[in-house]
PDB file of N, CA and C in Angstrom:
ATOM      1  N   UNK A   1     -26.964   4.438   2.831  1.00  0.00           N
ATOM      2  CA  UNK A   1     -26.787   3.359   1.707  1.00  0.00           C
ATOM      3  C   UNK A   1     -26.364   2.263   2.388  1.00  0.00           C
ATOM      4  N   UNK A   2     -25.307   2.405   3.061  1.00  0.00           N
ATOM      5  CA  UNK A   2     -24.715   1.030   3.488  1.00  0.00           C
ATOM      6  C   UNK A   2     -25.424   0.397   4.758  1.00  0.00           C
ATOM      7  N   UNK A   3     -26.069   1.158   5.433  1.00  0.00           N
ATOM      8  CA  UNK A   3     -26.876   0.605   6.510  1.00  0.00           C
ATOM      9  C   UNK A   3     -28.371   0.044   5.937  1.00  0.00           C
ATOM     10  N   UNK A   4     -28.765  -0.028   4.562  1.00  0.00           N
ATOM     11  CA  UNK A   4     -29.610  -0.966   3.886  1.00  0.00           C
ATOM     12  C   UNK A   4     -29.309  -2.211   3.779  1.00  0.00           C
ATOM     13  N   UNK A   5     -28.107  -2.515   3.677  1.00  0.00           N
ATOM     14  CA  UNK A   5     -27.535  -3.846   3.324  1.00  0.00           C
ATOM     15  C   UNK A   5     -27.495  -4.770   4.615  1.00  0.00           C
ATOM     16  N   UNK A   6     -28.007  -5.911   4.103  1.00  0.00           N
ATOM     17  CA  UNK A   6     -27.916  -6.844   5.796  1.00  0.00           C
ATOM     18  C   UNK A   6     -26.452  -6.869   6.194  1.00  0.00           C
ATOM     19  N   UNK A   7     -26.355  -7.461   7.828  1.00  0.00           N
ATOM     20  CA  UNK A   7     -25.377  -7.325   8.239  1.00  0.00           C
ATOM     21  C   UNK A   7     -24.062  -8.723   7.560  1.00  0.00           C
ATOM     22  N   UNK A   8     -24.360  -9.415   6.902  1.00  0.00           N
ATOM     23  CA  UNK A   8     -23.508 -10.514   6.871  1.00  0.00           C
ATOM     24  C   UNK A   8     -22.714 -10.071   5.268  1.00  0.00           C
ATOM     25  N   UNK A   9     -23.690  -9.005   4.299  1.00  0.00           N
ATOM     26  CA  UNK A   9     -23.541  -8.568   3.233  1.00  0.00           C
ATOM     27  C   UNK A   9     -22.358  -7.638   3.588  1.00  0.00           C
ATOM     28  N   UNK A  10     -22.420  -6.600   4.298  1.00  0.00           N
ATOM     29  CA  UNK A  10     -21.619  -5.960   4.622  1.00  0.00           C
ATOM     30  C   UNK A  10     -20.131  -6.403   5.441  1.00  0.00           C
ATOM     31  N   UNK A  11     -20.457  -7.604   6.454  1.00  0.00           N
ATOM     32  CA  UNK A  11     -19.282  -8.018   6.887  1.00  0.00           C
ATOM     33  C   UNK A  11     -18.505  -8.289   5.567  1.00  0.00           C
ATOM     34  N   UNK A  12     -19.020  -9.252   4.327  1.00  0.00           N
ATOM     35  CA  UNK A  12     -18.396  -9.586   3.327  1.00  0.00           C
ATOM     36  C   UNK A  12     -17.930  -8.889   2.743  1.00  0.00           C
ATOM     37  N   UNK A  13     -18.469  -7.644   2.068  1.00  0.00           N
ATOM     38  CA  UNK A  13     -17.685  -6.518   1.526  1.00  0.00           C
ATOM     39  C   UNK A  13     -16.455  -5.750   2.364  1.00  0.00           C
ATOM     40  N   UNK A  14     -16.749  -5.983   3.594  1.00  0.00           N
ATOM     41  CA  UNK A  14     -15.517  -5.259   4.451  1.00  0.00           C
ATOM     42  C   UNK A  14     -14.314  -6.357   4.429  1.00  0.00           C
ATOM     43  N   UNK A  15     -14.518  -7.446   4.465  1.00  0.00           N
ATOM     44  CA  UNK A  15     -13.941  -8.452   4.407  1.00  0.00           C
ATOM     45  C   UNK A  15     -12.850  -8.339   2.410  1.00  0.00           C
ATOM     46  N   UNK A  16     -13.757  -8.676   1.976  1.00  0.00           N
ATOM     47  CA  UNK A  16     -13.121  -8.668   0.527  1.00  0.00           C
ATOM     48  C   UNK A  16     -12.587  -7.258   0.262  1.00  0.00           C
ATOM     49  N   UNK A  17     -12.610  -5.947   0.771  1.00  0.00           N
ATOM     50  CA  UNK A  17     -11.982  -4.676   0.901  1.00  0.00           C
ATOM     51  C   UNK A  17     -10.560  -4.597   1.345  1.00  0.00           C
ATOM     52  N   UNK A  18     -10.765  -5.310   2.776  1.00  0.00           N
ATOM     53  CA  UNK A  18      -9.705  -5.516   3.310  1.00  0.00           C
ATOM     54  C   UNK A  18      -8.406  -6.519   2.739  1.00  0.00           C
ATOM     55  N   UNK A  19      -9.077  -7.385   2.169  1.00  0.00           N
ATOM     56  CA  UNK A  19      -8.149  -8.333   1.414  1.00  0.00           C
ATOM     57  C   UNK A  19      -7.879  -7.615   0.238  1.00  0.00           C
ATOM     58  N   UNK A  20      -8.379  -7.279  -0.583  1.00  0.00           N
ATOM     59  CA  UNK A  20      -7.775  -6.619  -1.773  1.00  0.00           C
ATOM     60  C   UNK A  20      -6.846  -5.391  -1.167  1.00  0.00           C
ATOM     61  N   UNK A  21      -6.610  -5.040  -0.154  1.00  0.00           N
ATOM     62  CA  UNK A  21      -5.915  -3.911  -0.018  1.00  0.00           C
ATOM     63  C   UNK A  21      -4.854  -3.999   0.789  1.00  0.00           C
ATOM     64  N   UNK A  22      -4.838  -5.391   1.528  1.00  0.00           N
ATOM     65  CA  UNK A  22      -3.386  -6.114   1.827  1.00  0.00           C
ATOM     66  C   UNK A  22      -2.771  -6.546   0.711  1.00  0.00           C
ATOM     67  N   UNK A  23      -3.541  -7.164  -0.456  1.00  0.00           N
ATOM     68  CA  UNK A  23      -2.853  -7.624  -1.396  1.00  0.00           C
ATOM     69  C   UNK A  23      -2.260  -6.477  -2.360  1.00  0.00           C
ATOM     70  N   UNK A  24      -2.698  -5.170  -2.189  1.00  0.00           N
ATOM     71  CA  UNK A  24      -1.937  -4.027  -3.132  1.00  0.00           C
ATOM     72  C   UNK A  24      -1.016  -3.651  -2.428  1.00  0.00           C
ATOM     73  N   UNK A  25      -0.950  -3.783  -0.811  1.00  0.00           N
ATOM     74  CA  UNK A  25       0.084  -3.485  -0.081  1.00  0.00           C
ATOM     75  C   UNK A  25       1.362  -3.940  -0.310  1.00  0.00           C
ATOM     76  N   UNK A  26       1.131  -5.374  -0.385  1.00  0.00           N
ATOM     77  CA  UNK A  26       2.167  -6.365  -0.626  1.00  0.00           C
ATOM     78  C   UNK A  26       3.132  -6.018  -2.114  1.00  0.00           C
ATOM     79  N   UNK A  27       1.831  -5.815  -2.858  1.00  0.00           N
ATOM     80  CA  UNK A  27       2.396  -5.759  -4.490  1.00  0.00           C
ATOM     81  C   UNK A  27       3.320  -4.517  -4.537  1.00  0.00           C
ATOM     82  N   UNK A  28       2.978  -3.196  -3.508  1.00  0.00           N
ATOM     83  CA  UNK A  28       3.647  -2.389  -3.521  1.00  0.00           C
ATOM     84  C   UNK A  28       4.802  -2.176  -2.956  1.00  0.00           C
ATOM     85  N   UNK A  29       4.952  -2.886  -1.899  1.00  0.00           N
ATOM     86  CA  UNK A  29       6.066  -3.038  -1.197  1.00  0.00           C
ATOM     87  C   UNK A  29       7.183  -3.634  -1.897  1.00  0.00           C
ATOM     88  N   UNK A  30       6.836  -4.728  -2.777  1.00  0.00           N
ATOM     89  CA  UNK A  30       7.765  -5.311  -3.580  1.00  0.00           C
ATOM     90  C   UNK A  30       8.191  -5.088  -5.095  1.00  0.00           C
ATOM     91  N   UNK A  31       7.108  -3.619  -5.500  1.00  0.00           N
ATOM     92  CA  UNK A  31       7.283  -3.538  -6.887  1.00  0.00           C
ATOM     93  C   UNK A  31       8.735  -3.052  -7.199  1.00  0.00           C
ATOM     94  N   UNK A  32       9.042  -1.758  -6.352  1.00  0.00           N
ATOM     95  CA  UNK A  32      10.189  -1.299  -7.032  1.00  0.00           C
ATOM     96  C   UNK A  32      11.311  -2.462  -6.760  1.00  0.00           C
ATOM     97  N   UNK A  33      11.533  -2.832  -5.496  1.00  0.00           N
ATOM     98  CA  UNK A  33      12.616  -3.807  -5.651  1.00  0.00           C
ATOM     99  C   UNK A  33      12.506  -4.691  -7.022  1.00  0.00           C
ATOM    100  N   UNK A  34      11.538  -5.603  -7.681  1.00  0.00           N
ATOM    101  CA  UNK A  34      11.689  -6.111  -8.473  1.00  0.00           C
ATOM    102  C   UNK A  34      11.393  -5.422  -9.586  1.00  0.00           C
ATOM    103  N   UNK A  35      11.271  -4.146 -10.063  1.00  0.00           N
ATOM    104  CA  UNK A  35      11.535  -3.506 -11.029  1.00  0.00           C
ATOM    105  C   UNK A  35      12.701  -3.169 -11.321  1.00  0.00           C
ATOM    106  N   UNK A  36      13.404  -2.616 -10.306  1.00  0.00           N
ATOM    107  CA  UNK A  36      15.048  -2.280 -10.313  1.00  0.00           C
ATOM    108  C   UNK A  36      16.004  -3.410 -10.603  1.00  0.00           C
ATOM    109  N   UNK A  37      15.423  -4.630  -9.905  1.00  0.00           N
ATOM    110  CA  UNK A  37      16.679  -5.894 -10.092  1.00  0.00           C
ATOM    111  C   UNK A  37      16.433  -6.795 -11.484  1.00  0.00           C
ATOM    112  N   UNK A  38      14.936  -6.858 -11.762  1.00  0.00           N
ATOM    113  CA  UNK A  38      14.987  -7.919 -13.018  1.00  0.00           C
ATOM    114  C   UNK A  38      14.543  -6.901 -14.252  1.00  0.00           C
ATOM    115  N   UNK A  39      14.960  -7.331 -15.370  1.00  0.00           N
ATOM    116  CA  UNK A  39      14.863  -6.648 -16.528  1.00  0.00           C
ATOM    117  C   UNK A  39      13.608  -7.442 -17.198  1.00  0.00           C
ATOM    118  N   UNK A  40      12.043  -6.661 -16.908  1.00  0.00           N
ATOM    119  CA  UNK A  40      10.897  -7.634 -17.138  1.00  0.00           C
ATOM    120  C   UNK A  40      10.054  -6.396 -17.403  1.00  0.00           C
ATOM    121  N   UNK A  41       9.064  -6.528 -18.336  1.00  0.00           N
ATOM    122  CA  UNK A  41       8.382  -5.444 -18.374  1.00  0.00           C
ATOM    123  C   UNK A  41       7.444  -4.997 -17.243  1.00  0.00           C
ATOM    124  N   UNK A  42       6.726  -3.799 -17.378  1.00  0.00           N
ATOM    125  CA  UNK A  42       5.869  -3.229 -16.031  1.00  0.00           C
ATOM    126  C   UNK A  42       4.705  -4.085 -15.797  1.00  0.00           C
ATOM    127  N   UNK A  43       4.070  -4.600 -16.769  1.00  0.00           N
ATOM    128  CA  UNK A  43       3.069  -5.594 -15.984  1.00  0.00           C
ATOM    129  C   UNK A  43       3.439  -7.095 -15.337  1.00  0.00           C
ATOM    130  N   UNK A  44       4.538  -7.422 -16.070  1.00  0.00           N
ATOM    131  CA  UNK A  44       5.395  -8.309 -15.132  1.00  0.00           C
ATOM    132  C   UNK A  44       5.767  -7.883 -13.912  1.00  0.00           C
ATOM    133  N   UNK A  45       6.349  -6.700 -13.827  1.00  0.00           N
ATOM    134  CA  UNK A  45       6.808  -6.371 -12.576  1.00  0.00           C
ATOM    135  C   UNK A  45       5.715  -6.448 -11.567  1.00  0.00           C
ATOM    136  N   UNK A  46       4.379  -6.089 -11.710  1.00  0.00           N
ATOM    137  CA  UNK A  46       3.258  -5.997 -10.699  1.00  0.00           C
ATOM    138  C   UNK A  46       3.271  -7.512 -10.719  1.00  0.00           C
ATOM    139  N   UNK A  47       2.899  -8.444 -11.644  1.00  0.00           N
ATOM    140  CA  UNK A  47       2.685  -9.840 -11.374  1.00  0.00           C
ATOM    141  C   UNK A  47       3.807 -10.425 -10.391  1.00  0.00           C
ATOM    142  N   UNK A  48       5.187 -10.260 -10.472  1.00  0.00           N
ATOM    143  CA  UNK A  48       6.105 -11.507  -9.931  1.00  0.00           C
ATOM    144  C   UNK A  48       6.113 -10.534  -8.190  1.00  0.00           C
ATOM    145  N   UNK A  49       5.785  -8.896  -8.418  1.00  0.00           N
ATOM    146  CA  UNK A  49       6.174  -8.712  -6.889  1.00  0.00           C
ATOM    147  C   UNK A  49       4.917  -8.919  -5.782  1.00  0.00           C
ATOM    148  N   UNK A  50       3.806  -9.429  -6.629  1.00  0.00           N
ATOM    149  CA  UNK A  50       2.662 -10.041  -5.598  1.00  0.00           C
ATOM    150  C   UNK A  50       2.941 -11.060  -5.668  1.00  0.00           C
ATOM    151  N   UNK A  51       3.490 -12.053  -6.594  1.00  0.00           N
ATOM    152  CA  UNK A  51       4.069 -13.629  -6.668  1.00  0.00           C
ATOM    153  C   UNK A  51       4.990 -13.701  -5.427  1.00  0.00           C
ATOM    154  N   UNK A  52       5.949 -12.585  -5.462  1.00  0.00           N
ATOM    155  CA  UNK A  52       7.333 -13.192  -4.489  1.00  0.00           C
ATOM    156  C   UNK A  52       6.724 -12.138  -3.084  1.00  0.00           C
ATOM    157  N   UNK A  53       5.767 -11.432  -3.170  1.00  0.00           N
ATOM    158  CA  UNK A  53       5.401 -10.822  -1.820  1.00  0.00           C
ATOM    159  C   UNK A  53       4.637 -11.984  -1.039  1.00  0.00           C
ATOM    160  N   UNK A  54       3.573 -12.540  -1.977  1.00  0.00           N
ATOM    161  CA  UNK A  54       2.754 -14.097  -1.092  1.00  0.00           C
ATOM    162  C   UNK A  54       3.566 -14.933  -0.895  1.00  0.00           C
ATOM    163  N   UNK A  55       4.473 -15.382  -1.596  1.00  0.00           N
ATOM    164  CA  UNK A  55       5.384 -16.786  -1.245  1.00  0.00           C
ATOM    165  C   UNK A  55       6.502 -16.856  -0.597  1.00  0.00           C
ATOM    166  N   UNK A  56       6.861 -15.150   0.017  1.00  0.00           N
ATOM    167  CA  UNK A  56       7.960 -15.065   1.095  1.00  0.00           C
ATOM    168  C   UNK A  56       7.306 -14.099   2.051  1.00  0.00           C
ATOM    169  N   UNK A  57       6.348 -14.789   2.953  1.00  0.00           N
ATOM    170  CA  UNK A  57       5.383 -14.039   3.739  1.00  0.00           C
ATOM    171  C   UNK A  57       6.781 -13.807   5.150  1.00  0.00           C
ATOM    172  N   UNK A  58       7.285 -14.447   5.674  1.00  0.00           N
ATOM    173  CA  UNK A  58       8.382 -13.788   6.683  1.00  0.00           C
ATOM    174  C   UNK A  58       9.377 -12.684   6.351  1.00  0.00           C
ATOM    175  N   UNK A  59       9.409 -12.515   5.024  1.00  0.00           N
ATOM    176  CA  UNK A  59      10.208 -11.663   5.054  1.00  0.00           C
ATOM    177  C   UNK A  59       9.558 -10.356   4.693  1.00  0.00           C
ATOM    178  N   UNK A  60       7.836 -10.745   3.835  1.00  0.00           N
ATOM    179  CA  UNK A  60       7.416  -9.538   3.588  1.00  0.00           C
ATOM    180  C   UNK A  60       6.996  -8.732   5.087  1.00  0.00           C
ATOM    181  N   UNK A  61       6.830  -9.682   5.888  1.00  0.00           N
ATOM    182  CA  UNK A  61       6.624  -8.792   7.622  1.00  0.00           C
ATOM    183  C   UNK A  61       7.554  -8.311   8.229  1.00  0.00           C
ATOM    184  N   UNK A  62       8.697  -8.876   7.777  1.00  0.00           N
ATOM    185  CA  UNK A  62       9.979  -7.878   8.198  1.00  0.00           C
ATOM    186  C   UNK A  62      10.237  -6.915   7.476  1.00  0.00           C
ATOM    187  N   UNK A  63       9.558  -6.727   6.106  1.00  0.00           N
ATOM    188  CA  UNK A  63       9.401  -5.252   5.743  1.00  0.00           C
ATOM    189  C   UNK A  63       8.617  -4.525   6.167  1.00  0.00           C
ATOM    190  N   UNK A  64       7.510  -5.223   6.851  1.00  0.00           N
ATOM    191  CA  UNK A  64       6.286  -4.139   6.856  1.00  0.00           C
ATOM    192  C   UNK A  64       7.196  -3.397   8.241  1.00  0.00           C
ATOM    193  N   UNK A  65       7.394  -4.733   9.204  1.00  0.00           N
ATOM    194  CA  UNK A  65       8.140  -4.071  10.486  1.00  0.00           C
ATOM    195  C   UNK A  65       9.372  -3.121  10.378  1.00  0.00           C
ATOM    196  N   UNK A  66      10.050  -3.146   9.265  1.00  0.00           N
ATOM    197  CA  UNK A  66      11.116  -2.342   9.043  1.00  0.00           C
ATOM    198  C   UNK A  66      10.720  -1.020   8.562  1.00  0.00           C
ATOM    199  N   UNK A  67       9.188  -1.153   7.649  1.00  0.00           N
ATOM    200  CA  UNK A  67       8.948   0.260   7.519  1.00  0.00           C
ATOM    201  C   UNK A  67       8.440   0.948   8.487  1.00  0.00           C
ATOM    202  N   UNK A  68       7.650   0.091   9.493  1.00  0.00           N
ATOM    203  CA  UNK A  68       7.110   0.784  10.446  1.00  0.00           C
ATOM    204  C   UNK A  68       8.334   1.641  11.510  1.00  0.00           C
ATOM    205  N   UNK A  69       9.200   0.816  11.453  1.00  0.00           N
ATOM    206  CA  UNK A  69      10.404   1.689  12.452  1.00  0.00           C
ATOM    207  C   UNK A  69      11.335   2.594  11.652  1.00  0.00           C
ATOM    208  N   UNK A  70      11.287   2.283  10.357  1.00  0.00           N
ATOM    209  CA  UNK A  70      11.898   3.721   9.836  1.00  0.00           C
ATOM    210  C   UNK A  70      10.694   4.724   9.870  1.00  0.00           C
ATOM    211  N   UNK A  71       9.587   4.833   9.578  1.00  0.00           N
ATOM    212  CA  UNK A  71       8.786   5.773   9.964  1.00  0.00           C
ATOM    213  C   UNK A  71       8.549   6.341  11.089  1.00  0.00           C
ATOM    214  N   UNK A  72       8.623   5.191  12.392  1.00  0.00           N
ATOM    215  CA  UNK A  72       8.787   5.765  13.550  1.00  0.00           C
ATOM    216  C   UNK A  72       9.837   6.544  14.188  1.00  0.00           C
ATOM    217  N   UNK A  73      10.918   6.343  13.477  1.00  0.00           N
ATOM    218  CA  UNK A  73      12.416   6.957  13.396  1.00  0.00           C
ATOM    219  C   UNK A  73      12.002   8.357  13.302  1.00  0.00           C
ATOM    220  N   UNK A  74      11.265   8.476  11.672  1.00  0.00           N
ATOM    221  CA  UNK A  74      10.890  10.051  11.384  1.00  0.00           C
ATOM    222  C   UNK A  74      10.409  10.574  12.316  1.00  0.00           C
ATOM    223  N   UNK A  75       9.255  10.072  13.184  1.00  0.00           N
ATOM    224  CA  UNK A  75       8.493  10.606  13.486  1.00  0.00           C
ATOM    225  C   UNK A  75       9.111  11.385  15.005  1.00  0.00           C
ATOM    226  N   UNK A  76      10.037  10.392  15.666  1.00  0.00           N
ATOM    227  CA  UNK A  76      10.725  10.683  16.900  1.00  0.00           C
ATOM    228  C   UNK A  76      11.828  11.735  16.364  1.00  0.00           C
ATOM    229  N   UNK A  77      12.413  11.530  15.593  1.00  0.00           N
ATOM    230  CA  UNK A  77      13.636  12.228  15.130  1.00  0.00           C
ATOM    231  C   UNK A  77      13.493  12.984  13.684  1.00  0.00           C
ATOM    232  N   UNK A  78      12.507  14.183  13.845  1.00  0.00           N
ATOM    233  CA  UNK A  78      12.067  14.383  12.420  1.00  0.00           C
ATOM    234  C   UNK A  78      13.249  15.518  11.753  1.00  0.00           C
ATOM    235  N   UNK A  79      14.357  15.496  12.483  1.00  0.00           N
ATOM    236  CA  UNK A  79      15.335  16.349  11.493  1.00  0.00           C
ATOM    237  C   UNK A  79      15.920  15.185  10.422  1.00  0.00           C
ATOM    238  N   UNK A  80      15.600  14.304  10.428  1.00  0.00           N
ATOM    239  CA  UNK A  80      16.207  12.859   9.814  1.00  0.00           C
ATOM    240  C   UNK A  80      15.529  13.141   8.224  1.00  0.00           C
ATOM    241  N   UNK A  81      14.519  13.340   8.338  1.00  0.00           N
ATOM    242  CA  UNK A  81      13.587  13.583   7.261  1.00  0.00           C
ATOM    243  C   UNK A  81      14.127  14.087   5.866  1.00  0.00           C
ATOM    244  N   UNK A  82      14.494  15.593   6.069  1.00  0.00           N
ATOM    245  CA  UNK A  82      15.239  16.262   4.800  1.00  0.00           C
ATOM    246  C   UNK A  82      16.662  15.489   4.266  1.00  0.00           C
ATOM    247  N   UNK A  83      17.156  14.636   5.279  1.00  0.00           N
ATOM    248  CA  UNK A  83      18.714  13.943   4.735  1.00  0.00           C
ATOM    249  C   UNK A  83      17.866  12.469   4.129  1.00  0.00           C
ATOM    250  N   UNK A  84      17.302  11.600   4.642  1.00  0.00           N
ATOM    251  CA  UNK A  84      17.158  10.734   4.771  1.00  0.00           C
ATOM    252  C   UNK A  84      15.747   9.623   4.439  1.00  0.00           C
ATOM    253  N   UNK A  85      14.813  10.677   4.115  1.00  0.00           N
ATOM    254  CA  UNK A  85      13.605  10.543   3.706  1.00  0.00           C
ATOM    255  C   UNK A  85      13.611   9.347   3.116  1.00  0.00           C
ATOM    256  N   UNK A  86      13.866   9.251   1.640  1.00  0.00           N
ATOM    257  CA  UNK A  86      13.504   8.058   0.809  1.00  0.00           C
ATOM    258  C   UNK A  86      14.540   7.423   0.656  1.00  0.00           C
ATOM    259  N   UNK A  87      15.741   7.494   1.095  1.00  0.00           N
ATOM    260  CA  UNK A  87      16.942   6.592   0.996  1.00  0.00           C
ATOM    261  C   UNK A  87      16.519   5.337   1.896  1.00  0.00           C
ATOM    262  N   UNK A  88      16.264   5.761   3.364  1.00  0.00           N
ATOM    263  CA  UNK A  88      16.429   4.990   4.013  1.00  0.00           C
ATOM    264  C   UNK A  88      15.066   4.085   4.477  1.00  0.00           C
ATOM    265  N   UNK A  89      13.993   4.527   3.756  1.00  0.00           N
ATOM    266  CA  UNK A  89      12.888   3.921   3.344  1.00  0.00           C
ATOM    267  C   UNK A  89      13.271   2.671   1.996  1.00  0.00           C
ATOM    268  N   UNK A  90      13.732   3.213   1.049  1.00  0.00           N
ATOM    269  CA  UNK A  90      14.174   2.570   0.069  1.00  0.00           C
ATOM    270  C   UNK A  90      15.387   1.408   0.441  1.00  0.00           C
ATOM    271  N   UNK A  91      16.256   1.870   1.371  1.00  0.00           N
ATOM    272  CA  UNK A  91      17.018   0.574   1.668  1.00  0.00           C
ATOM    273  C   UNK A  91      16.663  -0.440   2.311  1.00  0.00           C
ATOM    274  N   UNK A  92      15.321  -0.208   2.959  1.00  0.00           N
ATOM    275  CA  UNK A  92      14.716  -0.960   3.725  1.00  0.00           C
ATOM    276  C   UNK A  92      14.470  -2.032   2.911  1.00  0.00           C
ATOM    277  N   UNK A  93      13.583  -1.541   2.147  1.00  0.00           N
ATOM    278  CA  UNK A  93      12.611  -2.564   1.004  1.00  0.00           C
ATOM    279  C   UNK A  93      13.631  -3.186   0.146  1.00  0.00           C
ATOM    280  N   UNK A  94      14.473  -2.610  -0.649  1.00  0.00           N
ATOM    281  CA  UNK A  94      15.573  -3.313  -0.828  1.00  0.00           C
ATOM    282  C   UNK A  94      16.386  -4.220  -0.525  1.00  0.00           C
ATOM    283  N   UNK A  95      16.819  -3.939   0.752  1.00  0.00           N
ATOM    284  CA  UNK A  95      17.483  -5.012   1.743  1.00  0.00           C
ATOM    285  C   UNK A  95      16.483  -6.415   1.818  1.00  0.00           C
ATOM    286  N   UNK A  96      15.154  -6.122   2.100  1.00  0.00           N
ATOM    287  CA  UNK A  96      14.759  -7.684   2.160  1.00  0.00           C
ATOM    288  C   UNK A  96      14.124  -8.028   1.017  1.00  0.00           C
ATOM    289  N   UNK A  97      13.869  -7.054  -0.116  1.00  0.00           N
ATOM    290  CA  UNK A  97      13.601  -7.668  -1.161  1.00  0.00           C
ATOM    291  C   UNK A  97      14.681  -8.015  -1.825  1.00  0.00           C
ATOM    292  N   UNK A  98      16.046  -8.247  -1.924  1.00  0.00           N
ATOM    293  CA  UNK A  98      17.122  -8.770  -2.244  1.00  0.00           C
ATOM    294  C   UNK A  98      17.421 -10.079  -1.450  1.00  0.00           C
ATOM    295  N   UNK A  99      16.856 -10.263   0.007  1.00  0.00           N
ATOM    296  CA  UNK A  99      16.762 -11.478   0.591  1.00  0.00           C
ATOM    297  C   UNK A  99      15.885 -12.201  -0.317  1.00  0.00           C
ATOM    298  N   UNK A 100      14.778 -11.910  -0.682  1.00  0.00           N
ATOM    299  CA  UNK A 100      13.923 -12.575  -1.261  1.00  0.00           C
ATOM    300  C   UNK A 100      14.591 -13.378  -2.402  1.00  0.00           C
ATOM    301  N   UNK A 101      14.980 -12.245  -3.342  1.00  0.00           N
ATOM    302  CA  UNK A 101      15.827 -12.955  -4.524  1.00  0.00           C
ATOM    303  C   UNK A 101      16.737 -13.930  -4.622  1.00  0.00           C
ATOM    304  N   UNK A 102      17.700 -13.799  -3.331  1.00  0.00           N
ATOM    305  CA  UNK A 102      18.537 -14.445  -2.951  1.00  0.00           C
ATOM    306  C   UNK A 102      17.790 -16.057  -3.036  1.00  0.00           C
ATOM    307  N   UNK A 103      16.781 -16.145  -2.231  1.00  0.00           N
ATOM    308  CA  UNK A 103      16.303 -17.370  -1.772  1.00  0.00           C
ATOM    309  C   UNK A 103      15.591 -17.682  -2.971  1.00  0.00           C
ATOM    310  N   UNK A 104      15.511 -17.115  -3.874  1.00  0.00           N
ATOM    311  CA  UNK A 104      14.606 -18.000  -5.448  1.00  0.00           C
ATOM    312  C   UNK A 104      15.430 -18.208  -6.014  1.00  0.00           C
ATOM    313  N   UNK A 105      16.567 -17.521  -6.447  1.00  0.00           N
ATOM    314  CA  UNK A 105      17.716 -17.860  -7.102  1.00  0.00           C
ATOM    315  C   UNK A 105      18.843 -19.275  -6.248  1.00  0.00           C
ATOM    316  N   UNK A 106      18.577 -19.360  -4.852  1.00  0.00           N
ATOM    317  CA  UNK A 106      18.946 -20.248  -4.069  1.00  0.00           C
ATOM    318  C   UNK A 106      18.362 -21.889  -4.418  1.00  0.00           C
ATOM    319  N   UNK A 107      16.743 -21.697  -4.553  1.00  0.00           N
ATOM    320  CA  UNK A 107      15.659 -22.803  -4.732  1.00  0.00           C
ATOM    321  C   UNK A 107      15.889 -22.862  -6.142  1.00  0.00           C
ATOM    322  N   UNK A 108      16.080 -22.134  -7.009  1.00  0.00           N
ATOM    323  CA  UNK A 108      16.328 -22.808  -8.800  1.00  0.00           C
ATOM    324  C   UNK A 108      17.424 -23.417  -8.692  1.00  0.00           C
ATOM    325  N   UNK A 109      18.711 -22.646  -8.099  1.00  0.00           N
ATOM    326  CA  UNK A 109      20.068 -23.767  -8.330  1.00  0.00           C
ATOM    327  C   UNK A 109      19.831 -25.178  -7.287  1.00  0.00           C
ATOM    328  N   UNK A 110      19.135 -25.040  -6.562  1.00  0.00           N
ATOM    329  CA  UNK A 110      18.799 -26.446  -5.762  1.00  0.00           C
ATOM    330  C   UNK A 110      18.205 -27.615  -6.788  1.00  0.00           C
ATOM    331  N   UNK A 111      17.245 -26.815  -7.548  1.00  0.00           N
ATOM    332  CA  UNK A 111      16.331 -27.620  -8.124  1.00  0.00           C
ATOM    333  C   UNK A 111      16.940 -28.386  -9.451  1.00  0.00           C
TER     334      UNK A 111
END
């Protein structure tokens, strides 16, 4: 079925799919820190997670690199998985998420 599409249509659909996947990944990275830190509704948590993730791209990139480092650590030292599986990954997300929140608070106080 996909072979019936012209080349440009396939490339456009592929780009849209990757773009939406990247937005979804950024939203997932920031969802839990936003949900825990702020007292807002569930729908607003998704919205703020996406907005904060896109507005603080350097911190988002560091969050991704930290997650890759944590999963690489689990890969090479698999004995850590029962002990630190969730907590080390969440520590990485909350560490960088909290830095984003502090940057937002600093910008609000400055304005």
